[in-house]
Amino acid sequence: MSASLKKPEAPVLDESMDMCVLVDSIPVVGADKYDKLIHFVKAKFAPSGTIVDIVMPKDESSGLTLGYLFIQYSTAAEAQA
């Protein structure tokens, strides 16, 4: 098979949690205070590194947060700082 006809390799998804931090015992809030809490969390955790994403799960029926969240940093070293 010619080099130009090789099947491209599929991208590899990094499923490790090395760049993520679990934050427990955060306030349980509704939609009215969700953005304010995200802003507060970013302000407190940004000194450790570049925050890529924050995921704060919510209860489907009530819409309230569940009291924990995940912060994804750009590198594993930042997540461990």
Protein backbone atom coordinates (compact mmCIF):
# COMPACT_ATOMS: atom_id res chain seq x y z
CA MET A 1 0.00 0.00 0.00
CA SER A 2 1.32 3.41 -0.91
CA ALA A 3 2.21 5.84 1.89
CA SER A 4 -0.33 8.32 0.57
CA LEU A 5 -3.11 5.73 0.78
CA LYS A 6 -2.60 4.71 4.40
CA LYS A 7 -5.67 4.84 6.57
CA PRO A 8 -5.37 7.76 9.01
CA GLU A 9 -5.02 6.83 12.65
CA ALA A 10 -7.96 7.55 14.91
CA PRO A 11 -7.42 10.25 17.52
CA VAL A 12 -6.68 8.99 21.02
CA LEU A 13 -8.84 10.34 23.83
CA ASP A 14 -6.97 10.98 27.06
CA GLU A 15 -9.30 9.49 29.66
CA SER A 16 -7.02 10.11 32.60
CA MET A 17 -7.99 12.48 35.37
CA ASP A 18 -4.48 13.87 35.84
CA MET A 19 -5.54 17.38 34.87
CA CYS A 20 -8.72 17.40 36.97
CA VAL A 21 -9.43 18.32 40.56
CA LEU A 22 -12.54 17.31 42.50
CA VAL A 23 -13.78 20.02 44.86
CA ASP A 24 -16.23 18.78 47.49
CA SER A 25 -18.43 20.62 50.00
CA ILE A 26 -19.23 23.62 47.83
CA PRO A 27 -22.55 25.41 48.42
CA VAL A 28 -25.68 23.91 46.91
CA VAL A 29 -27.19 26.68 44.79
CA GLY A 30 -29.93 27.22 42.25
CA ALA A 31 -29.71 28.75 38.80
CA ASP A 32 -29.92 32.27 40.27
CA LYS A 33 -26.51 31.89 42.00
CA TYR A 34 -24.80 29.44 39.63
CA ASP A 35 -22.78 32.06 37.72
CA LYS A 36 -21.72 33.80 40.92
CA LEU A 37 -20.43 30.52 42.36
CA ILE A 38 -18.53 29.71 39.15
CA HIS A 39 -16.93 33.18 39.26
CA PHE A 40 -15.93 32.65 42.92
CA VAL A 41 -14.43 29.21 42.20
CA LYS A 42 -12.44 30.58 39.24
CA ALA A 43 -11.07 33.40 41.39
CA LYS A 44 -9.98 31.00 44.15
CA PHE A 45 -8.48 28.28 41.94
CA ALA A 46 -6.99 30.30 39.04
CA PRO A 47 -3.72 31.04 40.93
CA SER A 48 -2.89 27.31 40.62
CA GLY A 49 -2.93 27.43 36.81
CA THR A 50 -4.99 27.87 33.67
CA ILE A 51 -8.53 26.61 34.16
CA VAL A 52 -9.83 24.93 31.02
CA ASP A 53 -13.27 23.94 32.27
CA ILE A 54 -15.44 23.72 35.37
CA VAL A 55 -18.19 21.12 35.59
CA MET A 56 -20.70 21.49 38.40
CA PRO A 57 -23.32 18.72 38.26
CA LYS A 58 -26.95 19.59 38.99
CA ASP A 59 -29.92 17.61 40.21
CA GLU A 60 -32.18 17.06 37.20
CA SER A 61 -35.44 17.56 39.05
CA SER A 62 -34.60 20.52 41.29
CA GLY A 63 -31.90 22.22 39.22
CA LEU A 64 -29.77 22.64 42.34
CA THR A 65 -26.05 21.93 42.27
CA LEU A 66 -24.97 18.76 44.06
CA GLY A 67 -22.30 20.24 46.33
CA TYR A 68 -19.23 19.28 44.33
CA LEU A 69 -17.52 20.20 41.08
CA PHE A 70 -14.64 19.27 38.80
CA ILE A 71 -11.96 21.71 37.65
CA GLN A 72 -9.89 20.85 34.60
CA TYR A 73 -6.51 22.55 34.34
CA SER A 74 -4.36 22.76 31.21
CA THR A 75 -1.66 20.50 32.68
CA ALA A 76 -1.38 17.79 35.31
CA ALA A 77 1.25 19.84 37.17
CA GLU A 78 -1.21 22.71 37.59
CA ALA A 79 -3.88 20.34 38.88
CA GLN A 80 -1.48 19.01 41.49
CA ALA A 81 -0.30 22.46 42.63
